[in-house]
Amino acid sequence: MTSPLFITVGERLFTHSGSGGQTVSPPPHRARRTIRRTALSVSMAIALTTGTGTAAAEPGPSDREVTESKKAVRERAAAVGRVKARLAQATGELERISAAAALAMERYNGELVKLEHARQAYENSQRRLGEAEQRYRQIRDEAAVFAAAAYRAGTGVNQWAATVAGRTGPQNFMDRAALMEVLGHRQAGMVERVRAARIIADMFRRQTRTALQDRQVATERAESAKSAAERLLAAQREELKRIKARKTILVARLGRARAHAAEVQQAREQARSAGFHGGVGRGSIVVRAALKWLGTPYSWGGGTVTGPSYGVAHGANIRGFDCSGLALHAWNKAGVRLDHWTGTQWTSGPHVPTGRLRPGDLVFFANDASDPSTIHHVGIYIGRGLMVEAPYTGGRVRVSSIWRAGLIGATRPAG
């Protein structure tokens, strides 16, 4: 006896043990954003006729559905083209901003060089200023000595009186007079040198202060321009990154649309070559219901009587079908209620030899083809050795051959 298996159907949780399902507590509500199917729904609007007891059905996807899938490819391609144009425009803008940023950087570098030169000039000016101030102090000290000497030479007894009195004699007077004349000229020269030294010192102070201030202001402006250019460059790079990410998404969508269009076309051709006309009852309804969901993602535990659903475990965030979920959905459209479990689907009707399969029959695969308890997969037969299946995690609903390892047999559900 196989162990119970928990699966989801609608909003309730069931466990299957081979004898039916038993309701247990419902799972907690999980709020998820709906994941849009990237493959177009392959619905089959087929008019059924009456009067002869049989219904004519178009084989596989219709011409309209093939056209719509090709239209989707064109739309995806146009979207990729638009984003490529935006990418080219953004790349050009990035190059323009990069050039502007490089120019701003070079201007900043130039101002740094000028600032360094100004600092060196300031240091040289400070040195010359120090030398001028030292020279000024020397001249000032010399002038002070001269003034003291002149004061001493020009004070005391009257020069004429001293000469007449004969204290030193006329020759000494003449010598002192000559000395006074020399001292007078020297005093005038010292005063001029002091004045010139002061002017030079003040000029150096003003020049060095102004040069340094101007260079500092220019450097700050250059730094501001460089920072602004770098911010624009960073913003444009982010925009380019976003556009590239968008392009990646759109290219992936285009690839999926192309794959789906090819799959729809192939399914139509395969269904036609299989000779499926579906006019013999429930089988045609089952096949049409399954083919409608070509391209739908595989979701472990996914699928209900109403269509694809979120699964469980690693299928919890994927809206789609697993193999038995697709089978129960398709057969529900024909009025037969199946469990979401290959174990009871295997026993849902008489077993059919593979040589006598009809469209709609369920085809099963097992790890051990002699042991039904090892069944792990089911597909829906559409004719000529082909089936519709939800294959595996990461795959999508597709048309494939039934002839592969593990084929254990087939069942035609009753109900």
Protein backbone atom coordinates (compact mmCIF):
# COMPACT_ATOMS: atom_id res chain seq x y z
CA MET A 1 0.00 0.00 0.00
CA THR A 2 1.40 3.37 -0.94
CA SER A 3 1.88 6.05 1.71
CA PRO A 4 -0.49 9.04 1.81
CA LEU A 5 0.37 12.01 -0.36
CA PHE A 6 -0.59 15.58 0.47
CA ILE A 7 -1.63 17.77 -2.46
CA THR A 8 -3.58 20.99 -2.96
CA VAL A 9 -6.83 21.33 -4.85
CA GLY A 10 -8.36 24.79 -4.89
CA GLU A 11 -8.08 26.28 -1.39
CA ARG A 12 -8.16 22.98 0.51
CA LEU A 13 -5.49 20.47 1.41
CA PHE A 14 -6.14 16.79 0.69
CA THR A 15 -4.31 13.60 1.45
CA HIS A 16 -4.63 10.66 -0.88
CA SER A 17 -4.17 7.08 0.23
CA GLY A 18 -5.68 5.27 -2.74
CA SER A 19 -9.19 5.17 -1.33
CA GLY A 20 -10.09 8.80 -1.77
CA GLY A 21 -9.23 12.16 -0.27
CA GLN A 22 -9.68 13.30 3.31
CA THR A 23 -9.94 17.00 4.09
CA VAL A 24 -7.53 18.41 6.66
CA SER A 25 -6.90 21.94 7.88
CA PRO A 26 -6.56 24.56 5.14
CA PRO A 27 -3.10 26.09 4.57
CA PRO A 28 -2.51 29.66 5.76
CA HIS A 29 -3.23 32.37 3.26
CA ARG A 30 -0.13 33.36 1.37
CA ALA A 31 -0.18 36.77 -0.30
CA ARG A 32 1.83 36.60 -3.48
CA ARG A 33 2.01 38.77 -6.51
CA THR A 34 0.65 37.01 -9.54
CA ILE A 35 3.42 35.75 -11.79
CA ARG A 36 2.45 36.42 -15.36
CA ARG A 37 2.86 33.53 -17.71
CA THR A 38 5.45 34.49 -20.25
CA ALA A 39 4.11 31.98 -22.74
CA LEU A 40 0.79 32.88 -24.37
CA SER A 41 -2.19 30.77 -23.48
CA VAL A 42 -2.89 28.38 -26.28
CA SER A 43 -6.69 28.28 -26.05
CA MET A 44 -8.60 26.32 -28.62
CA ALA A 45 -11.92 27.80 -29.67
CA ILE A 46 -13.37 24.87 -31.50
CA ALA A 47 -16.99 24.76 -32.58
CA LEU A 48 -18.65 21.44 -31.89
CA THR A 49 -21.35 20.31 -34.28
CA THR A 50 -24.24 17.97 -33.60
CA GLY A 51 -26.58 15.94 -35.74
CA THR A 52 -24.42 12.92 -36.45
CA GLY A 53 -23.40 12.32 -32.88
CA THR A 54 -19.79 13.33 -33.56
CA ALA A 55 -17.97 16.66 -33.15
CA ALA A 56 -15.37 18.11 -35.46
CA ALA A 57 -12.39 19.72 -33.78
CA GLU A 58 -9.45 21.58 -35.23
CA PRO A 59 -6.24 19.64 -34.63
CA GLY A 60 -3.94 21.27 -32.09
CA PRO A 61 -3.63 25.02 -31.72
CA SER A 62 -5.64 27.03 -34.23
CA ASP A 63 -4.36 29.35 -36.95
CA ARG A 64 -5.42 32.30 -34.80
CA GLU A 65 -3.34 31.03 -31.88
CA VAL A 66 -0.31 30.49 -34.10
CA THR A 67 -0.77 34.03 -35.47
CA GLU A 68 -1.07 35.47 -31.97
CA SER A 69 2.10 33.71 -30.85
CA LYS A 70 3.96 35.17 -33.84
CA LYS A 71 2.50 38.59 -33.07
CA ALA A 72 3.81 38.27 -29.53
CA VAL A 73 7.28 37.57 -30.94
CA ARG A 74 7.08 40.74 -33.07
CA GLU A 75 5.97 42.81 -30.08
CA ARG A 76 8.77 41.43 -27.89
CA ALA A 77 11.27 42.10 -30.69
CA ALA A 78 10.01 45.69 -31.01
CA ALA A 79 10.40 46.17 -27.26
CA VAL A 80 13.97 44.87 -27.45
CA GLY A 81 14.63 47.25 -30.34
CA ARG A 82 13.36 50.20 -28.33
CA VAL A 83 15.46 49.35 -25.32
CA LYS A 84 18.51 48.89 -27.55
CA ALA A 85 17.93 52.41 -28.89
CA ARG A 86 17.69 53.72 -25.33
CA LEU A 87 20.86 51.83 -24.46
CA ALA A 88 22.72 53.39 -27.39
CA GLN A 89 21.47 56.85 -26.42
CA ALA A 90 22.45 56.33 -22.78
CA THR A 91 25.87 55.04 -23.83
CA GLY A 92 26.42 58.17 -25.93
CA GLU A 93 25.34 60.36 -23.03
CA LEU A 94 27.72 58.47 -20.75
CA GLU A 95 30.56 59.16 -23.16
CA ARG A 96 29.66 62.87 -23.26
CA ILE A 97 29.51 63.08 -19.47
CA SER A 98 32.74 61.12 -19.19
CA ALA A 99 34.47 63.67 -21.44
CA ALA A 100 33.07 66.54 -19.37
CA ALA A 101 34.15 64.82 -16.18
CA ALA A 102 37.64 64.28 -17.58
CA LEU A 103 37.85 67.98 -18.51
CA ALA A 104 36.69 68.99 -15.03
CA MET A 105 39.23 66.66 -13.51
CA GLU A 106 42.05 68.13 -15.60
CA ARG A 107 41.00 71.66 -14.68
CA TYR A 108 41.05 70.64 -11.06
CA ASN A 109 44.49 69.12 -11.52
CA GLY A 110 45.63 72.37 -13.16
CA GLU A 111 44.35 74.43 -10.27
CA LEU A 112 46.14 72.13 -7.86
CA VAL A 113 49.36 72.75 -9.75
CA LYS A 114 48.74 76.52 -9.70
CA LEU A 115 47.92 76.38 -6.02
CA GLU A 116 51.19 74.57 -5.36
CA HIS A 117 53.03 77.21 -7.34
CA ALA A 118 51.23 79.92 -5.36
CA ARG A 119 52.21 78.24 -2.13
CA GLN A 120 55.82 78.11 -3.25
CA ALA A 121 55.62 81.77 -4.27
CA TYR A 122 54.09 82.56 -0.90
CA GLU A 123 56.91 80.77 0.87
CA ASN A 124 59.45 82.64 -1.26
CA SER A 125 57.67 85.91 -0.58
CA GLN A 126 57.64 85.12 3.10
CA ARG A 127 61.35 84.47 2.92
CA ARG A 128 61.98 87.73 1.04
CA LEU A 129 59.68 89.52 3.44
CA GLY A 130 61.70 88.21 6.34
CA GLU A 131 64.90 89.35 4.69
CA ALA A 132 63.42 92.80 3.99
CA GLU A 133 62.21 93.17 7.55
CA GLN A 134 65.62 92.12 8.85
CA ARG A 135 67.26 94.68 6.55
CA TYR A 136 64.80 97.29 7.73
CA ARG A 137 65.70 96.61 11.33
CA GLN A 138 69.42 96.88 10.52
CA ILE A 139 68.93 100.22 8.74
CA ARG A 140 66.71 101.45 11.56
CA ASP A 141 69.39 100.50 14.09
CA GLU A 142 72.06 102.21 12.00
CA ALA A 143 69.90 105.32 11.82
CA ALA A 144 69.51 105.28 15.57
CA VAL A 145 73.28 105.05 16.03
CA PHE A 146 73.75 107.88 13.55
CA ALA A 147 71.19 110.03 15.33
CA ALA A 148 72.94 109.46 18.64
CA ALA A 149 76.32 110.32 17.12
CA ALA A 150 74.92 113.44 15.50
CA TYR A 151 73.32 114.45 18.71
CA ARG A 152 76.55 114.06 20.56
CA ALA A 153 78.50 115.92 17.86
CA GLY A 154 76.01 118.79 17.61
CA THR A 155 75.50 119.58 21.30
CA GLY A 156 77.63 121.12 24.07
CA VAL A 157 79.69 124.32 23.56
CA ASN A 158 79.21 126.45 20.47
CA GLN A 159 81.45 125.35 17.62
CA TRP A 160 82.68 128.92 16.84
CA ALA A 161 83.24 129.63 20.44
CA ALA A 162 85.22 126.46 20.83
CA THR A 163 87.29 127.31 17.83
CA VAL A 164 87.92 130.91 18.99
CA ALA A 165 88.68 129.70 22.47
CA GLY A 166 91.26 127.58 20.90
CA ARG A 167 90.17 124.45 22.83
CA THR A 168 90.82 122.36 19.84
CA GLY A 169 91.87 124.78 17.27
CA PRO A 170 90.61 125.67 13.82
CA GLN A 171 91.76 122.42 12.25
CA ASN A 172 89.69 120.33 14.59
CA PHE A 173 86.66 122.44 13.77
CA MET A 174 87.17 121.84 10.08
CA ASP A 175 87.41 118.14 10.71
CA ARG A 176 84.17 118.11 12.67
CA ALA A 177 82.42 120.10 9.97
CA ALA A 178 83.44 117.59 7.36
CA LEU A 179 82.24 114.78 9.60
CA MET A 180 78.87 116.45 10.07
CA GLU A 181 78.45 116.79 6.32
CA VAL A 182 79.24 113.11 5.80
CA LEU A 183 76.89 112.11 8.61
CA GLY A 184 74.16 114.23 7.12
CA HIS A 185 74.42 112.54 3.74
CA ARG A 186 74.50 109.16 5.40
CA GLN A 187 71.44 109.98 7.47
CA ALA A 188 69.50 110.94 4.35
CA GLY A 189 70.48 107.69 2.63
CA MET A 190 69.50 105.60 5.64
CA VAL A 191 66.10 107.22 5.83
CA GLU A 192 65.52 106.47 2.13
CA ARG A 193 66.62 102.86 2.52
CA VAL A 194 64.32 102.41 5.51
CA ARG A 195 61.40 103.80 3.54
CA ALA A 196 62.18 101.56 0.53
CA ALA A 197 62.55 98.46 2.71
CA ARG A 198 59.17 99.14 4.31
CA ILE A 199 57.49 99.59 0.90
CA ILE A 200 59.00 96.34 -0.43
CA ALA A 201 57.95 94.42 2.67
CA ASP A 202 54.36 95.68 2.41
CA MET A 203 54.24 94.87 -1.33
CA PHE A 204 55.37 91.29 -0.71
CA ARG A 205 52.73 90.88 1.99
CA ARG A 206 49.92 92.03 -0.30
CA GLN A 207 51.05 90.02 -3.32
CA THR A 208 51.53 86.75 -1.52
CA ARG A 209 48.27 87.07 0.39
CA THR A 210 46.26 87.90 -2.77
CA ALA A 211 47.88 85.15 -4.86
CA LEU A 212 47.24 82.50 -2.27
CA GLN A 213 43.62 83.55 -1.76
CA ASP A 214 42.94 83.62 -5.53
CA ARG A 215 44.42 80.17 -6.04
CA GLN A 216 42.48 78.76 -3.11
CA VAL A 217 39.19 80.12 -4.51
CA ALA A 218 39.98 78.77 -8.00
CA THR A 219 40.85 75.37 -6.57
CA GLU A 220 37.59 75.23 -4.64
CA ARG A 221 35.64 76.04 -7.82
CA ALA A 222 37.49 73.34 -9.71
CA GLU A 223 36.82 70.86 -6.92
CA SER A 224 33.11 71.72 -7.02
CA ALA A 225 32.99 71.26 -10.82
CA LYS A 226 34.83 67.96 -10.55
CA SER A 227 32.47 66.67 -7.86
CA ALA A 228 29.39 67.67 -9.90
CA ALA A 229 30.79 65.92 -12.98
CA GLU A 230 31.54 62.79 -10.97
CA ARG A 231 27.98 62.76 -9.58
CA LEU A 232 26.54 63.04 -13.10
CA LEU A 233 28.85 60.28 -14.25
CA ALA A 234 27.75 57.98 -11.41
CA ALA A 235 24.07 58.71 -12.08
CA GLN A 236 24.47 57.99 -15.80
CA ARG A 237 26.27 54.74 -15.07
CA GLU A 238 23.35 53.69 -12.85
CA GLU A 239 20.91 54.58 -15.62
CA LEU A 240 22.96 52.54 -18.06
CA LYS A 241 22.93 49.62 -15.63
CA ARG A 242 19.12 49.84 -15.32
CA ILE A 243 18.68 49.92 -19.10
CA LYS A 244 20.99 46.93 -19.52
CA ALA A 245 19.01 45.02 -16.88
CA ARG A 246 15.78 45.91 -18.69
CA LYS A 247 17.32 44.76 -21.96
CA THR A 248 18.26 41.43 -20.37
CA ILE A 249 14.67 40.92 -19.22
CA LEU A 250 13.19 41.85 -22.59
CA VAL A 251 15.65 39.67 -24.48
CA ALA A 252 14.70 36.76 -22.21
CA ARG A 253 11.02 37.45 -22.85
CA LEU A 254 11.68 37.56 -26.57
CA GLY A 255 13.46 34.21 -26.34
CA ARG A 256 10.56 32.67 -24.46
CA ALA A 257 8.04 34.12 -26.91
CA ARG A 258 10.01 32.71 -29.83
CA ALA A 259 10.29 29.33 -28.15
CA HIS A 260 6.58 29.34 -27.39
CA ALA A 261 5.66 30.34 -30.93
CA ALA A 262 7.80 27.52 -32.26
CA GLU A 263 6.22 25.13 -29.78
CA VAL A 264 2.69 26.19 -30.74
CA GLN A 265 3.52 25.76 -34.42
CA GLN A 266 5.11 22.39 -33.74
CA ALA A 267 2.17 21.26 -31.62
CA ARG A 268 -0.21 22.20 -34.42
CA GLU A 269 1.83 20.35 -37.00
CA GLN A 270 2.28 17.32 -34.75
CA ALA A 271 -1.41 17.22 -33.91
CA ARG A 272 -2.29 17.40 -37.60
CA SER A 273 0.22 14.69 -38.51
CA ALA A 274 -1.12 12.55 -35.68
CA GLY A 275 -4.51 12.63 -37.38
CA PHE A 276 -6.30 13.83 -34.27
CA HIS A 277 -9.81 15.08 -35.02
CA GLY A 278 -11.28 14.63 -31.57
CA GLY A 279 -14.77 13.90 -32.76
CA VAL A 280 -15.35 10.86 -30.62
CA GLY A 281 -16.26 12.37 -27.27
CA ARG A 282 -14.45 13.26 -24.10
CA GLY A 283 -10.94 12.61 -25.39
CA SER A 284 -11.10 15.64 -27.71
CA ILE A 285 -12.17 17.87 -24.82
CA VAL A 286 -9.33 16.57 -22.63
CA VAL A 287 -6.72 17.15 -25.35
CA ARG A 288 -7.96 20.67 -26.12
CA ALA A 289 -7.94 21.53 -22.41
CA ALA A 290 -4.34 20.34 -22.06
CA LEU A 291 -3.04 21.99 -25.24
CA LYS A 292 -4.43 25.31 -24.06
CA TRP A 293 -1.69 25.52 -21.42
CA LEU A 294 1.35 24.89 -23.61
CA GLY A 295 4.27 26.92 -22.23
CA THR A 296 2.87 27.15 -18.70
CA PRO A 297 5.59 26.71 -16.01
CA TYR A 298 5.95 23.45 -14.12
CA SER A 299 5.00 23.93 -10.47
CA TRP A 300 5.40 21.09 -7.98
CA GLY A 301 1.95 20.51 -6.49
CA GLY A 302 0.40 23.07 -8.88
CA GLY A 303 -2.85 22.74 -10.81
CA THR A 304 -6.54 22.60 -9.88
CA VAL A 305 -9.80 21.87 -11.68
CA THR A 306 -9.92 25.54 -12.69
CA GLY A 307 -6.40 25.84 -14.08
CA PRO A 308 -2.83 26.55 -12.97
CA SER A 309 -2.14 27.41 -9.32
CA TYR A 310 0.72 27.99 -6.93
CA GLY A 311 2.26 24.77 -5.76
CA VAL A 312 3.99 23.67 -2.59
CA ALA A 313 7.62 23.38 -1.43
CA HIS A 314 9.86 24.50 -4.31
CA GLY A 315 6.71 25.19 -6.38
CA ALA A 316 5.29 27.58 -3.78
CA ASN A 317 6.21 30.67 -5.78
CA ILE A 318 5.39 29.28 -9.23
CA ARG A 319 1.92 29.37 -10.73
CA GLY A 320 1.50 26.41 -13.03
CA PHE A 321 0.95 22.64 -13.18
CA ASP A 322 2.69 19.49 -12.17
CA CYS A 323 2.00 16.36 -14.24
CA SER A 324 -0.98 15.04 -12.26
CA GLY A 325 -2.34 18.60 -11.79
CA LEU A 326 -2.53 19.04 -15.56
CA ALA A 327 -4.23 15.63 -15.94
CA LEU A 328 -6.90 16.35 -13.30
CA HIS A 329 -7.60 19.78 -14.84
CA ALA A 330 -7.94 18.44 -18.40
CA TRP A 331 -10.19 15.53 -17.43
CA ASN A 332 -12.34 17.79 -15.25
CA LYS A 333 -13.22 19.69 -18.44
CA ALA A 334 -14.66 16.39 -19.74
CA GLY A 335 -16.67 15.92 -16.54
CA VAL A 336 -14.40 13.36 -14.84
CA ARG A 337 -13.04 14.24 -11.41
CA LEU A 338 -9.57 12.87 -10.70
CA ASP A 339 -7.39 13.10 -7.62
CA HIS A 340 -4.21 15.14 -7.70
CA TRP A 341 -2.12 11.99 -7.52
CA THR A 342 -0.79 9.61 -10.12
CA GLY A 343 -1.52 6.70 -7.74
CA THR A 344 -5.32 7.02 -8.03
CA GLN A 345 -5.20 8.37 -11.58
CA TRP A 346 -3.57 5.07 -12.57
CA THR A 347 -6.59 3.22 -11.15
CA SER A 348 -9.24 5.73 -12.35
CA GLY A 349 -10.32 3.54 -15.29
CA PRO A 350 -9.43 0.52 -17.38
CA HIS A 351 -5.84 0.08 -18.50
CA VAL A 352 -5.30 0.39 -22.24
CA PRO A 353 -2.58 -1.35 -24.28
CA THR A 354 -0.22 1.14 -25.86
CA GLY A 355 -1.18 -0.15 -29.28
CA ARG A 356 -4.83 0.88 -28.72
CA LEU A 357 -4.40 4.34 -27.25
CA ARG A 358 -6.88 7.11 -27.98
CA PRO A 359 -6.53 10.89 -27.53
CA GLY A 360 -7.13 11.81 -23.88
CA ASP A 361 -5.80 8.55 -22.41
CA LEU A 362 -3.38 9.00 -19.52
CA VAL A 363 0.11 7.60 -20.11
CA PHE A 364 2.16 6.68 -17.03
CA PHE A 365 5.87 6.32 -16.28
CA ALA A 366 7.51 4.52 -13.38
CA ASN A 367 10.94 3.89 -11.95
CA ASP A 368 10.18 0.18 -12.21
CA ALA A 369 7.98 -0.64 -15.22
CA SER A 370 6.78 -3.80 -13.43
CA ASP A 371 5.70 -2.01 -10.23
CA PRO A 372 2.83 0.55 -10.38
CA SER A 373 3.75 1.80 -6.89
CA THR A 374 6.83 3.45 -8.44
CA ILE A 375 4.81 5.58 -10.90
CA HIS A 376 6.17 9.12 -10.86
CA HIS A 377 4.82 10.81 -14.02
CA VAL A 378 1.73 11.05 -16.22
CA GLY A 379 1.06 12.59 -19.62
CA ILE A 380 -2.06 13.10 -21.79
CA TYR A 381 -2.00 11.20 -25.08
CA ILE A 382 -2.88 13.20 -28.25
CA GLY A 383 -2.14 10.60 -30.97
CA ARG A 384 0.73 9.21 -33.09
CA GLY A 385 2.90 8.50 -30.06
CA LEU A 386 2.70 12.07 -28.72
CA MET A 387 1.48 13.43 -25.41
CA VAL A 388 1.05 16.76 -23.58
CA GLU A 389 2.94 16.83 -20.29
CA ALA A 390 4.13 19.08 -17.48
CA PRO A 391 7.66 17.63 -17.48
CA TYR A 392 9.77 18.71 -14.49
CA THR A 393 10.81 21.66 -12.30
CA GLY A 394 12.14 24.39 -14.55
CA GLY A 395 10.30 23.03 -17.59
CA ARG A 396 7.02 24.07 -19.19
CA VAL A 397 3.96 22.29 -20.49
CA ARG A 398 4.96 20.78 -23.83
CA VAL A 399 4.28 18.16 -26.50
CA SER A 400 6.67 15.20 -26.48
CA SER A 401 6.93 11.53 -27.37
CA ILE A 402 5.57 8.81 -25.07
CA TRP A 403 8.31 6.43 -26.18
CA ARG A 404 10.91 6.73 -23.48
CA ALA A 405 12.26 4.81 -20.52
CA GLY A 406 9.82 4.03 -17.70
CA LEU A 407 6.63 3.72 -19.77
CA ILE A 408 4.47 1.40 -17.67
CA GLY A 409 1.09 1.69 -19.37
CA ALA A 410 -2.01 3.80 -19.90
CA THR A 411 -5.41 4.39 -18.35
CA ARG A 412 -8.67 5.64 -19.84
CA PRO A 413 -10.42 7.39 -16.90
CA ALA A 414 -14.06 6.51 -16.39
CA GLY A 415 -16.73 8.50 -14.69
